[in-house]
Amino acid sequence: MPRNPDPGSDHAAVGATLAAEAALLEAHERVLREAIDAVDARIEAVSAALRHLHRSAASAEAQKRADPGDGLRHSVADSDDVCLTWLDGSTTCRP
């Protein structure tokens, strides 16, 4: 079996190849981390928009329940019960 006349050169070449591959992998890692950060930011923006829409819809629903156009003054309690204030000043609430 022939022997390699300079075994040190093979180790140096392997080391250089591994270092180049490590640098390439680190560059890919940076690109992927940036992409993940961009996706995280987009998820947060969409979540904030959905929360805003949910609050707007809840507010519109509460306004609709408070003023359905029947001549009564309505109010919405913290528990989402609908309360009616009658002309005599009495109030009744229902879920």
PDB file of N, CA and C in Angstrom:
ATOM      1  N   MET A   1       0.858  -1.158   0.000  1.00  0.00           N
ATOM      2  CA  MET A   1       0.000   0.000   0.000  1.00  0.00           C
ATOM      3  C   MET A   1       0.912   1.230   0.000  1.00  0.00           C
ATOM      4  N   PRO A   2       0.716   2.133  -0.963  1.00  0.00           N
ATOM      5  CA  PRO A   2       1.604   3.287  -1.023  1.00  0.00           C
ATOM      6  C   PRO A   2       1.318   4.250   0.114  1.00  0.00           C
ATOM      7  N   ARG A   3       2.364   4.860   0.581  1.00  0.00           N
ATOM      8  CA  ARG A   3       2.235   5.824   1.668  1.00  0.00           C
ATOM      9  C   ARG A   3       2.235   7.224   1.086  1.00  0.00           C
ATOM     10  N   ASN A   4       1.499   8.102   1.724  1.00  0.00           N
ATOM     11  CA  ASN A   4       1.473   9.497   1.309  1.00  0.00           C
ATOM     12  C   ASN A   4       2.796  10.118   1.735  1.00  0.00           C
ATOM     13  N   PRO A   5       3.509  10.724   0.804  1.00  0.00           N
ATOM     14  CA  PRO A   5       4.812  11.261   1.175  1.00  0.00           C
ATOM     15  C   PRO A   5       4.719  12.446   2.139  1.00  0.00           C
ATOM     16  N   ASP A   6       3.612  13.197   2.124  1.00  0.00           N
ATOM     17  CA  ASP A   6       3.491  14.372   3.002  1.00  0.00           C
ATOM     18  C   ASP A   6       2.128  14.352   3.679  1.00  0.00           C
ATOM     19  N   PRO A   7       1.962  13.561   4.753  1.00  0.00           N
ATOM     20  CA  PRO A   7       0.649  13.463   5.393  1.00  0.00           C
ATOM     21  C   PRO A   7       0.191  14.780   6.004  1.00  0.00           C
ATOM     22  N   GLY A   8       1.068  15.681   6.336  1.00  0.00           N
ATOM     23  CA  GLY A   8       0.697  16.968   6.915  1.00  0.00           C
ATOM     24  C   GLY A   8      -0.076  17.838   5.942  1.00  0.00           C
ATOM     25  N   SER A   9       0.212  17.720   4.654  1.00  0.00           N
ATOM     26  CA  SER A   9      -0.488  18.557   3.673  1.00  0.00           C
ATOM     27  C   SER A   9      -1.952  18.155   3.552  1.00  0.00           C
ATOM     28  N   ASP A  10      -2.256  16.884   3.682  1.00  0.00           N
ATOM     29  CA  ASP A  10      -3.650  16.439   3.626  1.00  0.00           C
ATOM     30  C   ASP A  10      -4.435  16.997   4.815  1.00  0.00           C
ATOM     31  N   HIS A  11      -3.833  17.009   5.983  1.00  0.00           N
ATOM     32  CA  HIS A  11      -4.502  17.547   7.167  1.00  0.00           C
ATOM     33  C   HIS A  11      -4.773  19.039   7.003  1.00  0.00           C
ATOM     34  N   ALA A  12      -3.829  19.720   6.412  1.00  0.00           N
ATOM     35  CA  ALA A  12      -4.003  21.159   6.194  1.00  0.00           C
ATOM     36  C   ALA A  12      -5.133  21.417   5.200  1.00  0.00           C
ATOM     37  N   ALA A  13      -5.208  20.598   4.166  1.00  0.00           N
ATOM     38  CA  ALA A  13      -6.265  20.762   3.161  1.00  0.00           C
ATOM     39  C   ALA A  13      -7.627  20.458   3.771  1.00  0.00           C
ATOM     40  N   VAL A  14      -7.696  19.407   4.572  1.00  0.00           N
ATOM     41  CA  VAL A  14      -8.951  19.058   5.237  1.00  0.00           C
ATOM     42  C   VAL A  14      -9.360  20.179   6.186  1.00  0.00           C
ATOM     43  N   GLY A  15      -8.400  20.710   6.923  1.00  0.00           N
ATOM     44  CA  GLY A  15      -8.691  21.814   7.841  1.00  0.00           C
ATOM     45  C   GLY A  15      -9.193  23.040   7.103  1.00  0.00           C
ATOM     46  N   ALA A  16      -8.577  23.365   5.976  1.00  0.00           N
ATOM     47  CA  ALA A  16      -9.000  24.524   5.182  1.00  0.00           C
ATOM     48  C   ALA A  16     -10.402  24.309   4.617  1.00  0.00           C
ATOM     49  N   THR A  17     -10.675  23.096   4.159  1.00  0.00           N
ATOM     50  CA  THR A  17     -12.003  22.786   3.618  1.00  0.00           C
ATOM     51  C   THR A  17     -13.066  22.895   4.708  1.00  0.00           C
ATOM     52  N   LEU A  18     -12.767  22.345   5.875  1.00  0.00           N
ATOM     53  CA  LEU A  18     -13.725  22.420   6.981  1.00  0.00           C
ATOM     54  C   LEU A  18     -13.945  23.861   7.431  1.00  0.00           C
ATOM     55  N   ALA A  19     -12.894  24.659   7.451  1.00  0.00           N
ATOM     56  CA  ALA A  19     -13.042  26.070   7.832  1.00  0.00           C
ATOM     57  C   ALA A  19     -13.908  26.817   6.819  1.00  0.00           C
ATOM     58  N   ALA A  20     -13.718  26.520   5.534  1.00  0.00           N
ATOM     59  CA  ALA A  20     -14.534  27.166   4.496  1.00  0.00           C
ATOM     60  C   ALA A  20     -15.996  26.749   4.629  1.00  0.00           C
ATOM     61  N   GLU A  21     -16.237  25.472   4.884  1.00  0.00           N
ATOM     62  CA  GLU A  21     -17.611  25.005   5.064  1.00  0.00           C
ATOM     63  C   GLU A  21     -18.243  25.624   6.307  1.00  0.00           C
ATOM     64  N   ALA A  22     -17.473  25.770   7.372  1.00  0.00           N
ATOM     65  CA  ALA A  22     -17.990  26.392   8.596  1.00  0.00           C
ATOM     66  C   ALA A  22     -18.369  27.844   8.334  1.00  0.00           C
ATOM     67  N   ALA A  23     -17.532  28.560   7.591  1.00  0.00           N
ATOM     68  CA  ALA A  23     -17.840  29.958   7.262  1.00  0.00           C
ATOM     69  C   ALA A  23     -19.112  30.043   6.424  1.00  0.00           C
ATOM     70  N   LEU A  24     -19.257  29.123   5.484  1.00  0.00           N
ATOM     71  CA  LEU A  24     -20.462  29.105   4.649  1.00  0.00           C
ATOM     72  C   LEU A  24     -21.702  28.809   5.493  1.00  0.00           C
ATOM     73  N   LEU A  25     -21.600  27.854   6.399  1.00  0.00           N
ATOM     74  CA  LEU A  25     -22.728  27.531   7.277  1.00  0.00           C
ATOM     75  C   LEU A  25     -23.079  28.706   8.187  1.00  0.00           C
ATOM     76  N   GLU A  26     -22.087  29.417   8.683  1.00  0.00           N
ATOM     77  CA  GLU A  26     -22.354  30.587   9.521  1.00  0.00           C
ATOM     78  C   GLU A  26     -23.064  31.677   8.725  1.00  0.00           C
ATOM     79  N   ALA A  27     -22.677  31.848   7.470  1.00  0.00           N
ATOM     80  CA  ALA A  27     -23.353  32.838   6.620  1.00  0.00           C
ATOM     81  C   ALA A  27     -24.808  32.438   6.391  1.00  0.00           C
ATOM     82  N   HIS A  28     -25.040  31.150   6.135  1.00  0.00           N
ATOM     83  CA  HIS A  28     -26.419  30.666   5.961  1.00  0.00           C
ATOM     84  C   HIS A  28     -27.216  30.848   7.247  1.00  0.00           C
ATOM     85  N   GLU A  29     -26.581  30.605   8.380  1.00  0.00           N
ATOM     86  CA  GLU A  29     -27.264  30.784   9.663  1.00  0.00           C
ATOM     87  C   GLU A  29     -27.701  32.240   9.839  1.00  0.00           C
ATOM     88  N   ARG A  30     -26.821  33.184   9.495  1.00  0.00           N
ATOM     89  CA  ARG A  30     -27.173  34.604   9.611  1.00  0.00           C
ATOM     90  C   ARG A  30     -28.363  34.945   8.716  1.00  0.00           C
ATOM     91  N   VAL A  31     -28.345  34.440   7.486  1.00  0.00           N
ATOM     92  CA  VAL A  31     -29.454  34.705   6.559  1.00  0.00           C
ATOM     93  C   VAL A  31     -30.755  34.134   7.116  1.00  0.00           C
ATOM     94  N   LEU A  32     -30.691  32.912   7.635  1.00  0.00           N
ATOM     95  CA  LEU A  32     -31.895  32.285   8.194  1.00  0.00           C
ATOM     96  C   LEU A  32     -32.394  33.020   9.430  1.00  0.00           C
ATOM     97  N   ARG A  33     -31.490  33.471  10.290  1.00  0.00           N
ATOM     98  CA  ARG A  33     -31.906  34.230  11.478  1.00  0.00           C
ATOM     99  C   ARG A  33     -32.581  35.541  11.077  1.00  0.00           C
ATOM    100  N   GLU A  34     -32.043  36.210  10.052  1.00  0.00           N
ATOM    101  CA  GLU A  34     -32.665  37.445   9.571  1.00  0.00           C
ATOM    102  C   GLU A  34     -34.060  37.163   9.016  1.00  0.00           C
ATOM    103  N   ALA A  35     -34.195  36.056   8.289  1.00  0.00           N
ATOM    104  CA  ALA A  35     -35.506  35.691   7.746  1.00  0.00           C
ATOM    105  C   ALA A  35     -36.486  35.374   8.872  1.00  0.00           C
ATOM    106  N   ILE A  36     -36.020  34.668   9.892  1.00  0.00           N
ATOM    107  CA  ILE A  36     -36.877  34.352  11.042  1.00  0.00           C
ATOM    108  C   ILE A  36     -37.291  35.629  11.753  1.00  0.00           C
ATOM    109  N   ASP A  37     -36.356  36.560  11.919  1.00  0.00           N
ATOM    110  CA  ASP A  37     -36.691  37.841  12.556  1.00  0.00           C
ATOM    111  C   ASP A  37     -37.738  38.594  11.746  1.00  0.00           C
ATOM    112  N   ALA A  38     -37.618  38.556  10.415  1.00  0.00           N
ATOM    113  CA  ALA A  38     -38.602  39.230   9.562  1.00  0.00           C
ATOM    114  C   ALA A  38     -39.975  38.575   9.696  1.00  0.00           C
ATOM    115  N   VAL A  39     -40.003  37.247   9.753  1.00  0.00           N
ATOM    116  CA  VAL A  39     -41.275  36.535   9.921  1.00  0.00           C
ATOM    117  C   VAL A  39     -41.873  36.850  11.290  1.00  0.00           C
ATOM    118  N   ASP A  40     -41.040  36.874  12.328  1.00  0.00           N
ATOM    119  CA  ASP A  40     -41.530  37.220  13.669  1.00  0.00           C
ATOM    120  C   ASP A  40     -42.139  38.618  13.688  1.00  0.00           C
ATOM    121  N   ALA A  41     -41.474  39.564  13.032  1.00  0.00           N
ATOM    122  CA  ALA A  41     -41.997  40.935  12.982  1.00  0.00           C
ATOM    123  C   ALA A  41     -43.325  40.976  12.235  1.00  0.00           C
ATOM    124  N   ARG A  42     -43.430  40.225  11.157  1.00  0.00           N
ATOM    125  CA  ARG A  42     -44.681  40.192  10.387  1.00  0.00           C
ATOM    126  C   ARG A  42     -45.800  39.551  11.206  1.00  0.00           C
ATOM    127  N   ILE A  43     -45.487  38.480  11.931  1.00  0.00           N
ATOM    128  CA  ILE A  43     -46.487  37.832  12.788  1.00  0.00           C
ATOM    129  C   ILE A  43     -46.983  38.815  13.840  1.00  0.00           C
ATOM    130  N   GLU A  44     -46.068  39.570  14.442  1.00  0.00           N
ATOM    131  CA  GLU A  44     -46.462  40.548  15.461  1.00  0.00           C
ATOM    132  C   GLU A  44     -47.343  41.633  14.855  1.00  0.00           C
ATOM    133  N   ALA A  45     -47.001  42.092  13.646  1.00  0.00           N
ATOM    134  CA  ALA A  45     -47.808  43.130  12.993  1.00  0.00           C
ATOM    135  C   ALA A  45     -49.213  42.612  12.676  1.00  0.00           C
ATOM    136  N   VAL A  46     -49.309  41.392  12.173  1.00  0.00           N
ATOM    137  CA  VAL A  46     -50.617  40.816  11.858  1.00  0.00           C
ATOM    138  C   VAL A  46     -51.408  40.585  13.142  1.00  0.00           C
ATOM    139  N   SER A  47     -50.746  40.118  14.198  1.00  0.00           N
ATOM    140  CA  SER A  47     -51.428  39.911  15.480  1.00  0.00           C
ATOM    141  C   SER A  47     -51.973  41.222  16.030  1.00  0.00           C
ATOM    142  N   ALA A  48     -51.180  42.281  15.931  1.00  0.00           N
ATOM    143  CA  ALA A  48     -51.638  43.591  16.403  1.00  0.00           C
ATOM    144  C   ALA A  48     -52.839  44.065  15.591  1.00  0.00           C
ATOM    145  N   ALA A  49     -52.792  43.848  14.279  1.00  0.00           N
ATOM    146  CA  ALA A  49     -53.923  44.245  13.436  1.00  0.00           C
ATOM    147  C   ALA A  49     -55.174  43.446  13.792  1.00  0.00           C
ATOM    148  N   LEU A  50     -55.014  42.157  14.051  1.00  0.00           N
ATOM    149  CA  LEU A  50     -56.162  41.329  14.438  1.00  0.00           C
ATOM    150  C   LEU A  50     -56.727  41.757  15.786  1.00  0.00           C
ATOM    151  N   ARG A  51     -55.843  42.085  16.743  1.00  0.00           N
ATOM    152  CA  ARG A  51     -56.330  42.576  18.037  1.00  0.00           C
ATOM    153  C   ARG A  51     -57.113  43.870  17.856  1.00  0.00           C
ATOM    154  N   HIS A  52     -56.609  44.751  17.005  1.00  0.00           N
ATOM    155  CA  HIS A  52     -57.295  46.017  16.741  1.00  0.00           C
ATOM    156  C   HIS A  52     -58.667  45.760  16.108  1.00  0.00           C
ATOM    157  N   LEU A  53     -58.718  44.854  15.139  1.00  0.00           N
ATOM    158  CA  LEU A  53     -60.001  44.523  14.506  1.00  0.00           C
ATOM    159  C   LEU A  53     -60.971  43.916  15.509  1.00  0.00           C
ATOM    160  N   HIS A  54     -60.456  43.058  16.383  1.00  0.00           N
ATOM    161  CA  HIS A  54     -61.314  42.431  17.390  1.00  0.00           C
ATOM    162  C   HIS A  54     -61.903  43.486  18.323  1.00  0.00           C
ATOM    163  N   ARG A  55     -61.038  44.423  18.770  1.00  0.00           N
ATOM    164  CA  ARG A  55     -61.530  45.494  19.644  1.00  0.00           C
ATOM    165  C   ARG A  55     -62.538  46.370  18.909  1.00  0.00           C
ATOM    166  N   SER A  56     -62.283  46.666  17.643  1.00  0.00           N
ATOM    167  CA  SER A  56     -63.210  47.493  16.869  1.00  0.00           C
ATOM    168  C   SER A  56     -64.556  46.797  16.706  1.00  0.00           C
ATOM    169  N   ALA A  57     -64.506  45.497  16.415  1.00  0.00           N
ATOM    170  CA  ALA A  57     -65.749  44.744  16.248  1.00  0.00           C
ATOM    171  C   ALA A  57     -66.514  44.672  17.565  1.00  0.00           C
ATOM    172  N   ALA A  58     -65.804  44.457  18.666  1.00  0.00           N
ATOM    173  CA  ALA A  58     -66.460  44.400  19.975  1.00  0.00           C
ATOM    174  C   ALA A  58     -67.068  45.751  20.319  1.00  0.00           C
ATOM    175  N   SER A  59     -66.361  46.823  19.997  1.00  0.00           N
ATOM    176  CA  SER A  59     -66.870  48.165  20.263  1.00  0.00           C
ATOM    177  C   SER A  59     -68.107  48.451  19.419  1.00  0.00           C
ATOM    178  N   ALA A  60     -68.064  48.052  18.148  1.00  0.00           N
ATOM    179  CA  ALA A  60     -69.218  48.264  17.273  1.00  0.00           C
ATOM    180  C   ALA A  60     -70.416  47.457  17.757  1.00  0.00           C
ATOM    181  N   GLU A  61     -70.171  46.233  18.212  1.00  0.00           N
ATOM    182  CA  GLU A  61     -71.258  45.394  18.723  1.00  0.00           C
ATOM    183  C   GLU A  61     -71.841  46.004  19.988  1.00  0.00           C
ATOM    184  N   ALA A  62     -70.979  46.506  20.870  1.00  0.00           N
ATOM    185  CA  ALA A  62     -71.467  47.141  22.094  1.00  0.00           C
ATOM    186  C   ALA A  62     -72.282  48.384  21.760  1.00  0.00           C
ATOM    187  N   GLN A  63     -71.825  49.154  20.791  1.00  0.00           N
ATOM    188  CA  GLN A  63     -72.568  50.347  20.381  1.00  0.00           C
ATOM    189  C   GLN A  63     -73.922  49.954  19.790  1.00  0.00           C
ATOM    190  N   LYS A  64     -73.930  48.898  18.999  1.00  0.00           N
ATOM    191  CA  LYS A  64     -75.185  48.430  18.398  1.00  0.00           C
ATOM    192  C   LYS A  64     -76.158  47.971  19.485  1.00  0.00           C
ATOM    193  N   ARG A  65     -75.634  47.264  20.506  1.00  0.00           N
ATOM    194  CA  ARG A  65     -76.501  46.819  21.596  1.00  0.00           C
ATOM    195  C   ARG A  65     -76.967  47.994  22.439  1.00  0.00           C
ATOM    196  N   ALA A  66     -76.132  49.020  22.564  1.00  0.00           N
ATOM    197  CA  ALA A  66     -76.485  50.168  23.397  1.00  0.00           C
ATOM    198  C   ALA A  66     -77.501  51.075  22.717  1.00  0.00           C
ATOM    199  N   ASP A  67     -77.551  51.071  21.390  1.00  0.00           N
ATOM    200  CA  ASP A  67     -78.471  51.953  20.672  1.00  0.00           C
ATOM    201  C   ASP A  67     -79.119  51.204  19.507  1.00  0.00           C
ATOM    202  N   PRO A  68     -80.027  50.274  19.802  1.00  0.00           N
ATOM    203  CA  PRO A  68     -80.656  49.514  18.727  1.00  0.00           C
ATOM    204  C   PRO A  68     -81.761  50.285  18.015  1.00  0.00           C
ATOM    205  N   GLY A  69     -82.038  51.510  18.424  1.00  0.00           N
ATOM    206  CA  GLY A  69     -83.044  52.318  17.738  1.00  0.00           C
ATOM    207  C   GLY A  69     -84.466  52.048  18.195  1.00  0.00           C
ATOM    208  N   ASP A  70     -84.666  51.543  19.418  1.00  0.00           N
ATOM    209  CA  ASP A  70     -86.021  51.238  19.883  1.00  0.00           C
ATOM    210  C   ASP A  70     -86.572  52.301  20.833  1.00  0.00           C
ATOM    211  N   GLY A  71     -85.847  53.409  20.998  1.00  0.00           N
ATOM    212  CA  GLY A  71     -86.336  54.479  21.856  1.00  0.00           C
ATOM    213  C   GLY A  71     -85.951  54.337  23.311  1.00  0.00           C
ATOM    214  N   LEU A  72     -85.346  53.226  23.683  1.00  0.00           N
ATOM    215  CA  LEU A  72     -84.892  53.025  25.056  1.00  0.00           C
ATOM    216  C   LEU A  72     -83.416  53.388  25.155  1.00  0.00           C
ATOM    217  N   ARG A  73     -83.004  53.787  26.335  1.00  0.00           N
ATOM    218  CA  ARG A  73     -81.580  54.001  26.562  1.00  0.00           C
ATOM    219  C   ARG A  73     -81.003  52.678  27.053  1.00  0.00           C
ATOM    220  N   HIS A  74     -80.029  52.168  26.356  1.00  0.00           N
ATOM    221  CA  HIS A  74     -79.398  50.899  26.712  1.00  0.00           C
ATOM    222  C   HIS A  74     -77.993  51.188  27.203  1.00  0.00           C
ATOM    223  N   SER A  75     -77.462  50.299  28.015  1.00  0.00           N
ATOM    224  CA  SER A  75     -76.048  50.378  28.390  1.00  0.00           C
ATOM    225  C   SER A  75     -75.509  48.963  28.468  1.00  0.00           C
ATOM    226  N   VAL A  76     -74.203  48.838  28.343  1.00  0.00           N
ATOM    227  CA  VAL A  76     -73.566  47.530  28.421  1.00  0.00           C
ATOM    228  C   VAL A  76     -72.702  47.519  29.666  1.00  0.00           C
ATOM    229  N   ALA A  77     -72.983  46.587  30.562  1.00  0.00           N
ATOM    230  CA  ALA A  77     -72.214  46.474  31.800  1.00  0.00           C
ATOM    231  C   ALA A  77     -70.886  45.785  31.515  1.00  0.00           C
ATOM    232  N   ASP A  78     -69.982  45.823  32.494  1.00  0.00           N
ATOM    233  CA  ASP A  78     -68.675  45.193  32.331  1.00  0.00           C
ATOM    234  C   ASP A  78     -68.786  43.705  32.046  1.00  0.00           C
ATOM    235  N   SER A  79     -69.819  43.075  32.532  1.00  0.00           N
ATOM    236  CA  SER A  79     -69.972  41.638  32.347  1.00  0.00           C
ATOM    237  C   SER A  79     -70.640  41.303  31.023  1.00  0.00           C
ATOM    238  N   ASP A  80     -70.824  42.269  30.149  1.00  0.00           N
ATOM    239  CA  ASP A  80     -71.504  42.114  28.863  1.00  0.00           C
ATOM    240  C   ASP A  80     -73.000  41.877  29.017  1.00  0.00           C
ATOM    241  N   ASP A  81     -73.561  42.130  30.221  1.00  0.00           N
ATOM    242  CA  ASP A  81     -75.011  42.110  30.375  1.00  0.00           C
ATOM    243  C   ASP A  81     -75.563  43.359  29.703  1.00  0.00           C
ATOM    244  N   VAL A  82     -76.714  43.243  29.106  1.00  0.00           N
ATOM    245  CA  VAL A  82     -77.372  44.402  28.510  1.00  0.00           C
ATOM    246  C   VAL A  82     -78.328  44.967  29.551  1.00  0.00           C
ATOM    247  N   CYS A  83     -78.193  46.257  29.828  1.00  0.00           N
ATOM    248  CA  CYS A  83     -79.032  46.899  30.830  1.00  0.00           C
ATOM    249  C   CYS A  83     -79.932  47.923  30.150  1.00  0.00           C
ATOM    250  N   LEU A  84     -81.201  47.932  30.519  1.00  0.00           N
ATOM    251  CA  LEU A  84     -82.170  48.884  29.988  1.00  0.00           C
ATOM    252  C   LEU A  84     -82.565  49.851  31.094  1.00  0.00           C
ATOM    253  N   THR A  85     -82.545  51.117  30.785  1.00  0.00           N
ATOM    254  CA  THR A  85     -83.024  52.131  31.724  1.00  0.00           C
ATOM    255  C   THR A  85     -84.376  52.610  31.210  1.00  0.00           C
ATOM    256  N   TRP A  86     -85.413  52.371  31.989  1.00  0.00           N
ATOM    257  CA  TRP A  86     -86.769  52.696  31.576  1.00  0.00           C
ATOM    258  C   TRP A  86     -87.072  54.168  31.839  1.00  0.00           C
ATOM    259  N   LEU A  87     -88.168  54.636  31.309  1.00  0.00           N
ATOM    260  CA  LEU A  87     -88.534  56.041  31.446  1.00  0.00           C
ATOM    261  C   LEU A  87     -88.732  56.449  32.899  1.00  0.00           C
ATOM    262  N   ASP A  88     -89.122  55.497  33.761  1.00  0.00           N
ATOM    263  CA  ASP A  88     -89.300  55.829  35.177  1.00  0.00           C
ATOM    264  C   ASP A  88     -87.971  55.832  35.939  1.00  0.00           C
ATOM    265  N   GLY A  89     -86.850  55.566  35.242  1.00  0.00           N
ATOM    266  CA  GLY A  89     -85.535  55.587  35.871  1.00  0.00           C
ATOM    267  C   GLY A  89     -85.055  54.239  36.352  1.00  0.00           C
ATOM    268  N   SER A  90     -85.907  53.222  36.340  1.00  0.00           N
ATOM    269  CA  SER A  90     -85.484  51.897  36.783  1.00  0.00           C
ATOM    270  C   SER A  90     -84.615  51.252  35.697  1.00  0.00           C
ATOM    271  N   THR A  91     -83.761  50.355  36.141  1.00  0.00           N
ATOM    272  CA  THR A  91     -82.844  49.682  35.220  1.00  0.00           C
ATOM    273  C   THR A  91     -82.978  48.185  35.400  1.00  0.00           C
ATOM    274  N   THR A  92     -83.025  47.462  34.302  1.00  0.00           N
ATOM    275  CA  THR A  92     -83.004  46.003  34.332  1.00  0.00           C
ATOM    276  C   THR A  92     -81.884  45.536  33.416  1.00  0.00           C
ATOM    277  N   CYS A  93     -81.220  44.488  33.861  1.00  0.00           N
ATOM    278  CA  CYS A  93     -80.109  43.940  33.079  1.00  0.00           C
ATOM    279  C   CYS A  93     -80.395  42.492  32.753  1.00  0.00           C
ATOM    280  N   ARG A  94     -79.879  42.059  31.625  1.00  0.00           N
ATOM    281  CA  ARG A  94     -79.996  40.659  31.228  1.00  0.00           C
ATOM    282  C   ARG A  94     -78.711  40.261  30.506  1.00  0.00           C
ATOM    283  N   PRO A  95     -78.380  38.994  30.595  1.00  0.00           N
ATOM    284  CA  PRO A  95     -77.149  38.519  29.929  1.00  0.00           C
ATOM    285  C   PRO A  95     -77.303  38.511  28.420  1.00  0.00           C
TER     286      PRO A  95
END
